[in-house]
Amino acid sequence: MLSVFVDGDEARRTRTIHTVRYVLEPPAPRARPVRADEVAEQGTVPVDRVGRIIEGVLRRLDEPETPDLREIGGDQARWNELLASLSGGVLDQRYRE
């Protein structure tokens, strides 16, 4: 799940929530897995409802994992660092080398 500030909301009273999923294609022998990312917007809500909305979306998706929470506070440099740290990473332990 990804919760982002809404453009034009200088008071930062609303957030847009997205689900971020990836699919791994099983690799051929001695090849790296192929990762396909999917981002879907779920809606825009007041900040005080973000936690409750995310919990509800996760419950409906029947996701057994605990979300990985990262706060960047709207800082572009921290966002870039986060993207760089996650870029191309395989989160599924079965495919880690």
PDB file of N, CA and C in Angstrom:
ATOM      1  N   MET A   1       0.856  -1.169   0.000  1.00  0.00           N
ATOM      2  CA  MET A   1       0.000   0.000   0.000  1.00  0.00           C
ATOM      3  C   MET A   1       0.900   1.230   0.000  1.00  0.00           C
ATOM      4  N   LEU A   2       0.410   2.216  -0.671  1.00  0.00           N
ATOM      5  CA  LEU A   2       1.134   3.463  -0.784  1.00  0.00           C
ATOM      6  C   LEU A   2       0.146   4.585  -0.516  1.00  0.00           C
ATOM      7  N   SER A   3       0.492   5.470   0.418  1.00  0.00           N
ATOM      8  CA  SER A   3      -0.340   6.617   0.757  1.00  0.00           C
ATOM      9  C   SER A   3       0.456   7.864   0.399  1.00  0.00           C
ATOM     10  N   VAL A   4      -0.078   8.673  -0.523  1.00  0.00           N
ATOM     11  CA  VAL A   4       0.660   9.843  -1.004  1.00  0.00           C
ATOM     12  C   VAL A   4      -0.155  11.115  -0.819  1.00  0.00           C
ATOM     13  N   PHE A   5       0.565  12.240  -0.667  1.00  0.00           N
ATOM     14  CA  PHE A   5      -0.096  13.533  -0.579  1.00  0.00           C
ATOM     15  C   PHE A   5      -0.786  13.839  -1.895  1.00  0.00           C
ATOM     16  N   VAL A   6      -1.899  14.545  -1.824  1.00  0.00           N
ATOM     17  CA  VAL A   6      -2.649  14.932  -3.009  1.00  0.00           C
ATOM     18  C   VAL A   6      -2.078  16.242  -3.539  1.00  0.00           C
ATOM     19  N   ASP A   7      -1.815  16.299  -4.857  1.00  0.00           N
ATOM     20  CA  ASP A   7      -1.331  17.536  -5.474  1.00  0.00           C
ATOM     21  C   ASP A   7      -2.318  18.664  -5.207  1.00  0.00           C
ATOM     22  N   GLY A   8      -1.788  19.820  -4.846  1.00  0.00           N
ATOM     23  CA  GLY A   8      -2.636  20.984  -4.617  1.00  0.00           C
ATOM     24  C   GLY A   8      -3.193  21.080  -3.205  1.00  0.00           C
ATOM     25  N   ASP A   9      -2.999  20.057  -2.391  1.00  0.00           N
ATOM     26  CA  ASP A   9      -3.482  20.078  -1.001  1.00  0.00           C
ATOM     27  C   ASP A   9      -2.330  20.527  -0.111  1.00  0.00           C
ATOM     28  N   GLU A  10      -2.101  21.834  -0.105  1.00  0.00           N
ATOM     29  CA  GLU A  10      -0.964  22.384   0.647  1.00  0.00           C
ATOM     30  C   GLU A  10      -1.073  22.122   2.150  1.00  0.00           C
ATOM     31  N   ALA A  11      -2.274  21.997   2.665  1.00  0.00           N
ATOM     32  CA  ALA A  11      -2.468  21.725   4.091  1.00  0.00           C
ATOM     33  C   ALA A  11      -2.261  20.240   4.408  1.00  0.00           C
ATOM     34  N   ARG A  12      -2.119  19.424   3.365  1.00  0.00           N
ATOM     35  CA  ARG A  12      -1.897  17.981   3.514  1.00  0.00           C
ATOM     36  C   ARG A  12      -2.995  17.324   4.353  1.00  0.00           C
ATOM     37  N   ARG A  13      -4.222  17.620   4.011  1.00  0.00           N
ATOM     38  CA  ARG A  13      -5.368  17.069   4.738  1.00  0.00           C
ATOM     39  C   ARG A  13      -5.895  15.779   4.120  1.00  0.00           C
ATOM     40  N   THR A  14      -5.464  15.474   2.891  1.00  0.00           N
ATOM     41  CA  THR A  14      -5.943  14.270   2.219  1.00  0.00           C
ATOM     42  C   THR A  14      -4.767  13.472   1.664  1.00  0.00           C
ATOM     43  N   ARG A  15      -5.009  12.184   1.490  1.00  0.00           N
ATOM     44  CA  ARG A  15      -4.020  11.293   0.897  1.00  0.00           C
ATOM     45  C   ARG A  15      -4.715  10.414  -0.129  1.00  0.00           C
ATOM     46  N   THR A  16      -3.978  10.057  -1.174  1.00  0.00           N
ATOM     47  CA  THR A  16      -4.464   9.078  -2.135  1.00  0.00           C
ATOM     48  C   THR A  16      -3.775   7.760  -1.813  1.00  0.00           C
ATOM     49  N   ILE A  17      -4.570   6.710  -1.752  1.00  0.00           N
ATOM     50  CA  ILE A  17      -4.062   5.386  -1.388  1.00  0.00           C
ATOM     51  C   ILE A  17      -3.994   4.517  -2.641  1.00  0.00           C
ATOM     52  N   HIS A  18      -2.870   3.827  -2.793  1.00  0.00           N
ATOM     53  CA  HIS A  18      -2.648   2.919  -3.919  1.00  0.00           C
ATOM     54  C   HIS A  18      -2.242   1.554  -3.369  1.00  0.00           C
ATOM     55  N   THR A  19      -2.624   0.505  -4.079  1.00  0.00           N
ATOM     56  CA  THR A  19      -2.050  -0.805  -3.790  1.00  0.00           C
ATOM     57  C   THR A  19      -0.919  -1.011  -4.785  1.00  0.00           C
ATOM     58  N   VAL A  20       0.163  -1.575  -4.302  1.00  0.00           N
ATOM     59  CA  VAL A  20       1.323  -1.867  -5.133  1.00  0.00           C
ATOM     60  C   VAL A  20       1.576  -3.361  -5.013  1.00  0.00           C
ATOM     61  N   ARG A  21       1.496  -4.053  -6.134  1.00  0.00           N
ATOM     62  CA  ARG A  21       1.699  -5.501  -6.135  1.00  0.00           C
ATOM     63  C   ARG A  21       2.715  -5.848  -7.211  1.00  0.00           C
ATOM     64  N   TYR A  22       3.347  -6.977  -7.018  1.00  0.00           N
ATOM     65  CA  TYR A  22       4.237  -7.457  -8.064  1.00  0.00           C
ATOM     66  C   TYR A  22       4.045  -8.950  -8.242  1.00  0.00           C
ATOM     67  N   VAL A  23       4.354  -9.403  -9.445  1.00  0.00           N
ATOM     68  CA  VAL A  23       4.254 -10.818  -9.782  1.00  0.00           C
ATOM     69  C   VAL A  23       5.620 -11.253 -10.278  1.00  0.00           C
ATOM     70  N   LEU A  24       6.062 -12.403  -9.811  1.00  0.00           N
ATOM     71  CA  LEU A  24       7.324 -12.951 -10.286  1.00  0.00           C
ATOM     72  C   LEU A  24       7.060 -14.132 -11.191  1.00  0.00           C
ATOM     73  N   GLU A  25       7.650 -14.078 -12.365  1.00  0.00           N
ATOM     74  CA  GLU A  25       7.588 -15.224 -13.259  1.00  0.00           C
ATOM     75  C   GLU A  25       8.727 -16.143 -12.860  1.00  0.00           C
ATOM     76  N   PRO A  26       8.460 -17.420 -12.690  1.00  0.00           N
ATOM     77  CA  PRO A  26       9.552 -18.319 -12.303  1.00  0.00           C
ATOM     78  C   PRO A  26      10.697 -18.236 -13.312  1.00  0.00           C
ATOM     79  N   PRO A  27      11.913 -18.155 -12.799  1.00  0.00           N
ATOM     80  CA  PRO A  27      13.050 -18.013 -13.706  1.00  0.00           C
ATOM     81  C   PRO A  27      13.412 -19.330 -14.391  1.00  0.00           C
ATOM     82  N   ALA A  28      13.998 -19.175 -15.565  1.00  0.00           N
ATOM     83  CA  ALA A  28      14.576 -20.331 -16.240  1.00  0.00           C
ATOM     84  C   ALA A  28      15.839 -20.721 -15.463  1.00  0.00           C
ATOM     85  N   PRO A  29      16.330 -21.918 -15.664  1.00  0.00           N
ATOM     86  CA  PRO A  29      17.563 -22.301 -14.953  1.00  0.00           C
ATOM     87  C   PRO A  29      18.661 -21.257 -15.152  1.00  0.00           C
ATOM     88  N   ARG A  30      19.289 -20.864 -14.061  1.00  0.00           N
ATOM     89  CA  ARG A  30      20.394 -19.887 -14.019  1.00  0.00           C
ATOM     90  C   ARG A  30      19.990 -18.495 -14.510  1.00  0.00           C
ATOM     91  N   ALA A  31      18.714 -18.164 -14.467  1.00  0.00           N
ATOM     92  CA  ALA A  31      18.250 -16.833 -14.869  1.00  0.00           C
ATOM     93  C   ALA A  31      17.596 -16.156 -13.676  1.00  0.00           C
ATOM     94  N   ARG A  32      17.582 -14.850 -13.724  1.00  0.00           N
ATOM     95  CA  ARG A  32      16.926 -14.078 -12.659  1.00  0.00           C
ATOM     96  C   ARG A  32      15.423 -14.094 -12.893  1.00  0.00           C
ATOM     97  N   PRO A  33      14.642 -14.028 -11.823  1.00  0.00           N
ATOM     98  CA  PRO A  33      13.181 -13.965 -12.008  1.00  0.00           C
ATOM     99  C   PRO A  33      12.781 -12.665 -12.705  1.00  0.00           C
ATOM    100  N   VAL A  34      11.685 -12.709 -13.410  1.00  0.00           N
ATOM    101  CA  VAL A  34      11.144 -11.531 -14.086  1.00  0.00           C
ATOM    102  C   VAL A  34      10.048 -10.960 -13.196  1.00  0.00           C
ATOM    103  N   ARG A  35      10.139  -9.675 -12.893  1.00  0.00           N
ATOM    104  CA  ARG A  35       9.190  -9.022 -11.997  1.00  0.00           C
ATOM    105  C   ARG A  35       8.310  -8.060 -12.781  1.00  0.00           C
ATOM    106  N   ALA A  36       7.006  -8.133 -12.561  1.00  0.00           N
ATOM    107  CA  ALA A  36       6.055  -7.206 -13.161  1.00  0.00           C
ATOM    108  C   ALA A  36       5.320  -6.486 -12.038  1.00  0.00           C
ATOM    109  N   ASP A  37       5.383  -5.153 -12.025  1.00  0.00           N
ATOM    110  CA  ASP A  37       4.746  -4.349 -10.985  1.00  0.00           C
ATOM    111  C   ASP A  37       3.384  -3.849 -11.449  1.00  0.00           C
ATOM    112  N   GLU A  38       2.470  -3.712 -10.486  1.00  0.00           N
ATOM    113  CA  GLU A  38       1.139  -3.182 -10.766  1.00  0.00           C
ATOM    114  C   GLU A  38       0.773  -2.207  -9.649  1.00  0.00           C
ATOM    115  N   VAL A  39       0.378  -0.991 -10.028  1.00  0.00           N
ATOM    116  CA  VAL A  39      -0.041   0.027  -9.068  1.00  0.00           C
ATOM    117  C   VAL A  39      -1.487   0.390  -9.400  1.00  0.00           C
ATOM    118  N   ALA A  40      -2.368   0.297  -8.390  1.00  0.00           N
ATOM    119  CA  ALA A  40      -3.780   0.613  -8.605  1.00  0.00           C
ATOM    120  C   ALA A  40      -4.245   1.620  -7.555  1.00  0.00           C
ATOM    121  N   GLU A  41      -4.836   2.716  -8.006  1.00  0.00           N
ATOM    122  CA  GLU A  41      -5.364   3.715  -7.076  1.00  0.00           C
ATOM    123  C   GLU A  41      -6.630   3.184  -6.423  1.00  0.00           C
ATOM    124  N   GLN A  42      -6.708   3.333  -5.093  1.00  0.00           N
ATOM    125  CA  GLN A  42      -7.867   2.864  -4.343  1.00  0.00           C
ATOM    126  C   GLN A  42      -8.817   3.995  -3.981  1.00  0.00           C
ATOM    127  N   GLY A  43      -8.287   5.219  -3.863  1.00  0.00           N
ATOM    128  CA  GLY A  43      -9.151   6.346  -3.528  1.00  0.00           C
ATOM    129  C   GLY A  43      -8.421   7.408  -2.736  1.00  0.00           C
ATOM    130  N   THR A  44      -9.084   8.543  -2.531  1.00  0.00           N
ATOM    131  CA  THR A  44      -8.519   9.656  -1.777  1.00  0.00           C
ATOM    132  C   THR A  44      -9.363   9.874  -0.533  1.00  0.00           C
ATOM    133  N   VAL A  45      -8.682   9.991   0.607  1.00  0.00           N
ATOM    134  CA  VAL A  45      -9.375  10.089   1.890  1.00  0.00           C
ATOM    135  C   VAL A  45      -8.706  11.131   2.782  1.00  0.00           C
ATOM    136  N   PRO A  46      -9.422  11.609   3.810  1.00  0.00           N
ATOM    137  CA  PRO A  46      -8.795  12.484   4.796  1.00  0.00           C
ATOM    138  C   PRO A  46      -7.687  11.735   5.544  1.00  0.00           C
ATOM    139  N   VAL A  47      -6.657  12.456   5.941  1.00  0.00           N
ATOM    140  CA  VAL A  47      -5.494  11.858   6.597  1.00  0.00           C
ATOM    141  C   VAL A  47      -5.883  10.995   7.792  1.00  0.00           C
ATOM    142  N   ASP A  48      -6.854  11.434   8.591  1.00  0.00           N
ATOM    143  CA  ASP A  48      -7.210  10.690   9.798  1.00  0.00           C
ATOM    144  C   ASP A  48      -7.864   9.336   9.500  1.00  0.00           C
ATOM    145  N   ARG A  49      -8.216   9.083   8.250  1.00  0.00           N
ATOM    146  CA  ARG A  49      -8.836   7.805   7.888  1.00  0.00           C
ATOM    147  C   ARG A  49      -7.885   6.851   7.175  1.00  0.00           C
ATOM    148  N   VAL A  50      -6.667   7.283   6.882  1.00  0.00           N
ATOM    149  CA  VAL A  50      -5.733   6.478   6.094  1.00  0.00           C
ATOM    150  C   VAL A  50      -5.485   5.109   6.725  1.00  0.00           C
ATOM    151  N   GLY A  51      -5.152   5.070   7.995  1.00  0.00           N
ATOM    152  CA  GLY A  51      -4.869   3.792   8.656  1.00  0.00           C
ATOM    153  C   GLY A  51      -6.030   2.821   8.568  1.00  0.00           C
ATOM    154  N   ARG A  52      -7.223   3.309   8.836  1.00  0.00           N
ATOM    155  CA  ARG A  52      -8.420   2.461   8.801  1.00  0.00           C
ATOM    156  C   ARG A  52      -8.709   1.956   7.378  1.00  0.00           C
ATOM    157  N   ILE A  53      -8.517   2.814   6.398  1.00  0.00           N
ATOM    158  CA  ILE A  53      -8.754   2.424   5.003  1.00  0.00           C
ATOM    159  C   ILE A  53      -7.746   1.360   4.581  1.00  0.00           C
ATOM    160  N   ILE A  54      -6.486   1.557   4.915  1.00  0.00           N
ATOM    161  CA  ILE A  54      -5.454   0.577   4.549  1.00  0.00           C
ATOM    162  C   ILE A  54      -5.743  -0.768   5.198  1.00  0.00           C
ATOM    163  N   GLU A  55      -6.113  -0.763   6.462  1.00  0.00           N
ATOM    164  CA  GLU A  55      -6.467  -2.021   7.136  1.00  0.00           C
ATOM    165  C   GLU A  55      -7.611  -2.726   6.413  1.00  0.00           C
ATOM    166  N   GLY A  56      -8.618  -1.961   6.010  1.00  0.00           N
ATOM    167  CA  GLY A  56      -9.752  -2.551   5.306  1.00  0.00           C
ATOM    168  C   GLY A  56      -9.372  -3.119   3.949  1.00  0.00           C
ATOM    169  N   VAL A  57      -8.535  -2.406   3.208  1.00  0.00           N
ATOM    170  CA  VAL A  57      -8.097  -2.904   1.898  1.00  0.00           C
ATOM    171  C   VAL A  57      -7.299  -4.187   2.070  1.00  0.00           C
ATOM    172  N   LEU A  58      -6.388  -4.213   3.037  1.00  0.00           N
ATOM    173  CA  LEU A  58      -5.594  -5.421   3.274  1.00  0.00           C
ATOM    174  C   LEU A  58      -6.486  -6.594   3.676  1.00  0.00           C
ATOM    175  N   ARG A  59      -7.471  -6.324   4.491  1.00  0.00           N
ATOM    176  CA  ARG A  59      -8.396  -7.385   4.913  1.00  0.00           C
ATOM    177  C   ARG A  59      -9.147  -7.947   3.705  1.00  0.00           C
ATOM    178  N   ARG A  60      -9.612  -7.067   2.826  1.00  0.00           N
ATOM    179  CA  ARG A  60     -10.327  -7.519   1.624  1.00  0.00           C
ATOM    180  C   ARG A  60      -9.413  -8.258   0.658  1.00  0.00           C
ATOM    181  N   LEU A  61      -8.149  -7.866   0.612  1.00  0.00           N
ATOM    182  CA  LEU A  61      -7.204  -8.557  -0.262  1.00  0.00           C
ATOM    183  C   LEU A  61      -6.747  -9.878   0.339  1.00  0.00           C
ATOM    184  N   ASP A  62      -7.076 -10.094   1.607  1.00  0.00           N
ATOM    185  CA  ASP A  62      -6.682 -11.303   2.323  1.00  0.00           C
ATOM    186  C   ASP A  62      -5.168 -11.490   2.295  1.00  0.00           C
ATOM    187  N   GLU A  63      -4.449 -10.416   2.583  1.00  0.00           N
ATOM    188  CA  GLU A  63      -2.990 -10.447   2.610  1.00  0.00           C
ATOM    189  C   GLU A  63      -2.518 -10.860   3.998  1.00  0.00           C
ATOM    190  N   PRO A  64      -1.754 -11.942   4.094  1.00  0.00           N
ATOM    191  CA  PRO A  64      -1.301 -12.408   5.400  1.00  0.00           C
ATOM    192  C   PRO A  64      -0.126 -11.613   5.962  1.00  0.00           C
ATOM    193  N   GLU A  65       0.547 -10.835   5.133  1.00  0.00           N
ATOM    194  CA  GLU A  65       1.749 -10.144   5.564  1.00  0.00           C
ATOM    195  C   GLU A  65       1.431  -8.817   6.245  1.00  0.00           C
ATOM    196  N   THR A  66       2.334  -8.395   7.124  1.00  0.00           N
ATOM    197  CA  THR A  66       2.245  -7.087   7.752  1.00  0.00           C
ATOM    198  C   THR A  66       2.830  -6.068   6.788  1.00  0.00           C
ATOM    199  N   PRO A  67       2.178  -4.936   6.581  1.00  0.00           N
ATOM    200  CA  PRO A  67       2.708  -3.943   5.642  1.00  0.00           C
ATOM    201  C   PRO A  67       4.065  -3.416   6.083  1.00  0.00           C
ATOM    202  N   ASP A  68       4.898  -3.072   5.129  1.00  0.00           N
ATOM    203  CA  ASP A  68       6.194  -2.450   5.368  1.00  0.00           C
ATOM    204  C   ASP A  68       5.958  -0.942   5.381  1.00  0.00           C
ATOM    205  N   LEU A  69       5.974  -0.337   6.560  1.00  0.00           N
ATOM    206  CA  LEU A  69       5.667   1.092   6.694  1.00  0.00           C
ATOM    207  C   LEU A  69       6.928   1.928   6.567  1.00  0.00           C
ATOM    208  N   ARG A  70       6.885   2.916   5.695  1.00  0.00           N
ATOM    209  CA  ARG A  70       7.995   3.850   5.504  1.00  0.00           C
ATOM    210  C   ARG A  70       7.411   5.254   5.440  1.00  0.00           C
ATOM    211  N   GLU A  71       7.886   6.143   6.288  1.00  0.00           N
ATOM    212  CA  GLU A  71       7.436   7.539   6.282  1.00  0.00           C
ATOM    213  C   GLU A  71       8.514   8.385   5.625  1.00  0.00           C
ATOM    214  N   ILE A  72       8.139   9.151   4.620  1.00  0.00           N
ATOM    215  CA  ILE A  72       9.107  10.044   3.989  1.00  0.00           C
ATOM    216  C   ILE A  72       8.693  11.510   4.128  1.00  0.00           C
ATOM    217  N   GLY A  73       7.475  11.744   4.607  1.00  0.00           N
ATOM    218  CA  GLY A  73       7.020  13.101   4.900  1.00  0.00           C
ATOM    219  C   GLY A  73       6.990  14.043   3.709  1.00  0.00           C
ATOM    220  N   GLY A  74       6.857  13.515   2.511  1.00  0.00           N
ATOM    221  CA  GLY A  74       6.800  14.368   1.333  1.00  0.00           C
ATOM    222  C   GLY A  74       8.159  14.839   0.847  1.00  0.00           C
ATOM    223  N   ASP A  75       9.243  14.315   1.424  1.00  0.00           N
ATOM    224  CA  ASP A  75      10.596  14.715   1.055  1.00  0.00           C
ATOM    225  C   ASP A  75      11.038  13.967  -0.209  1.00  0.00           C
ATOM    226  N   GLN A  76      11.301  14.707  -1.285  1.00  0.00           N
ATOM    227  CA  GLN A  76      11.644  14.098  -2.574  1.00  0.00           C
ATOM    228  C   GLN A  76      12.924  13.267  -2.485  1.00  0.00           C
ATOM    229  N   ALA A  77      13.922  13.745  -1.768  1.00  0.00           N
ATOM    230  CA  ALA A  77      15.184  12.998  -1.661  1.00  0.00           C
ATOM    231  C   ALA A  77      14.965  11.663  -0.954  1.00  0.00           C
ATOM    232  N   ARG A  78      14.168  11.673   0.112  1.00  0.00           N
ATOM    233  CA  ARG A  78      13.876  10.417   0.822  1.00  0.00           C
ATOM    234  C   ARG A  78      13.065   9.470  -0.059  1.00  0.00           C
ATOM    235  N   TRP A  79      12.145  10.003  -0.871  1.00  0.00           N
ATOM    236  CA  TRP A  79      11.371   9.183  -1.805  1.00  0.00           C
ATOM    237  C   TRP A  79      12.305   8.534  -2.824  1.00  0.00           C
ATOM    238  N   ASN A  80      13.235   9.328  -3.384  1.00  0.00           N
ATOM    239  CA  ASN A  80      14.183   8.786  -4.350  1.00  0.00           C
ATOM    240  C   ASN A  80      15.048   7.693  -3.731  1.00  0.00           C
ATOM    241  N   GLU A  81      15.478   7.894  -2.493  1.00  0.00           N
ATOM    242  CA  GLU A  81      16.269   6.872  -1.797  1.00  0.00           C
ATOM    243  C   GLU A  81      15.462   5.597  -1.601  1.00  0.00           C
ATOM    244  N   LEU A  82      14.188   5.742  -1.229  1.00  0.00           N
ATOM    245  CA  LEU A  82      13.333   4.576  -1.042  1.00  0.00           C
ATOM    246  C   LEU A  82      13.168   3.815  -2.353  1.00  0.00           C
ATOM    247  N   LEU A  83      12.879   4.531  -3.428  1.00  0.00           N
ATOM    248  CA  LEU A  83      12.725   3.876  -4.729  1.00  0.00           C
ATOM    249  C   LEU A  83      14.003   3.165  -5.146  1.00  0.00           C
ATOM    250  N   ALA A  84      15.140   3.812  -4.921  1.00  0.00           N
ATOM    251  CA  ALA A  84      16.418   3.192  -5.283  1.00  0.00           C
ATOM    252  C   ALA A  84      16.658   1.929  -4.472  1.00  0.00           C
ATOM    253  N   SER A  85      16.285   1.952  -3.193  1.00  0.00           N
ATOM    254  CA  SER A  85      16.511   0.777  -2.345  1.00  0.00           C
ATOM    255  C   SER A  85      15.591  -0.378  -2.721  1.00  0.00           C
ATOM    256  N   LEU A  86      14.425  -0.077  -3.287  1.00  0.00           N
ATOM    257  CA  LEU A  86      13.473  -1.116  -3.659  1.00  0.00           C
ATOM    258  C   LEU A  86      13.580  -1.520  -5.129  1.00  0.00           C
ATOM    259  N   SER A  87      14.239  -0.721  -5.929  1.00  0.00           N
ATOM    260  CA  SER A  87      14.281  -0.928  -7.375  1.00  0.00           C
ATOM    261  C   SER A  87      14.809  -2.299  -7.753  1.00  0.00           C
ATOM    262  N   GLY A  88      13.946  -3.050  -8.418  1.00  0.00           N
ATOM    263  CA  GLY A  88      14.356  -4.357  -8.914  1.00  0.00           C
ATOM    264  C   GLY A  88      14.505  -5.397  -7.836  1.00  0.00           C
ATOM    265  N   GLY A  89      14.239  -5.023  -6.611  1.00  0.00           N
ATOM    266  CA  GLY A  89      14.378  -5.980  -5.523  1.00  0.00           C
ATOM    267  C   GLY A  89      13.310  -7.048  -5.574  1.00  0.00           C
ATOM    268  N   VAL A  90      13.686  -8.237  -5.196  1.00  0.00           N
ATOM    269  CA  VAL A  90      12.744  -9.342  -5.137  1.00  0.00           C
ATOM    270  C   VAL A  90      12.403  -9.558  -3.674  1.00  0.00           C
ATOM    271  N   LEU A  91      11.138  -9.362  -3.329  1.00  0.00           N
ATOM    272  CA  LEU A  91      10.724  -9.458  -1.939  1.00  0.00           C
ATOM    273  C   LEU A  91      10.374 -10.874  -1.531  1.00  0.00           C
ATOM    274  N   ASP A  92      10.129 -11.748  -2.480  1.00  0.00           N
ATOM    275  CA  ASP A  92       9.746 -13.130  -2.194  1.00  0.00           C
ATOM    276  C   ASP A  92      10.999 -13.942  -1.862  1.00  0.00           C
ATOM    277  N   GLN A  93      11.066 -14.460  -0.651  1.00  0.00           N
ATOM    278  CA  GLN A  93      12.250 -15.187  -0.180  1.00  0.00           C
ATOM    279  C   GLN A  93      12.605 -16.366  -1.074  1.00  0.00           C
ATOM    280  N   ARG A  94      11.637 -16.973  -1.739  1.00  0.00           N
ATOM    281  CA  ARG A  94      11.918 -18.135  -2.581  1.00  0.00           C
ATOM    282  C   ARG A  94      12.852 -17.797  -3.727  1.00  0.00           C
ATOM    283  N   TYR A  95      12.911 -16.507  -4.106  1.00  0.00           N
ATOM    284  CA  TYR A  95      13.710 -16.122  -5.257  1.00  0.00           C
ATOM    285  C   TYR A  95      14.976 -15.354  -4.883  1.00  0.00           C
ATOM    286  N   ARG A  96      15.275 -15.275  -3.625  1.00  0.00           N
ATOM    287  CA  ARG A  96      16.518 -14.592  -3.219  1.00  0.00           C
ATOM    288  C   ARG A  96      17.679 -15.547  -3.387  1.00  0.00           C
ATOM    289  N   GLU A  97      18.810 -15.006  -3.773  1.00  0.00           N
ATOM    290  CA  GLU A  97      19.991 -15.845  -3.947  1.00  0.00           C
ATOM    291  C   GLU A  97      20.907 -15.706  -2.750  1.00  0.00           C
TER     292      GLU A  97
END
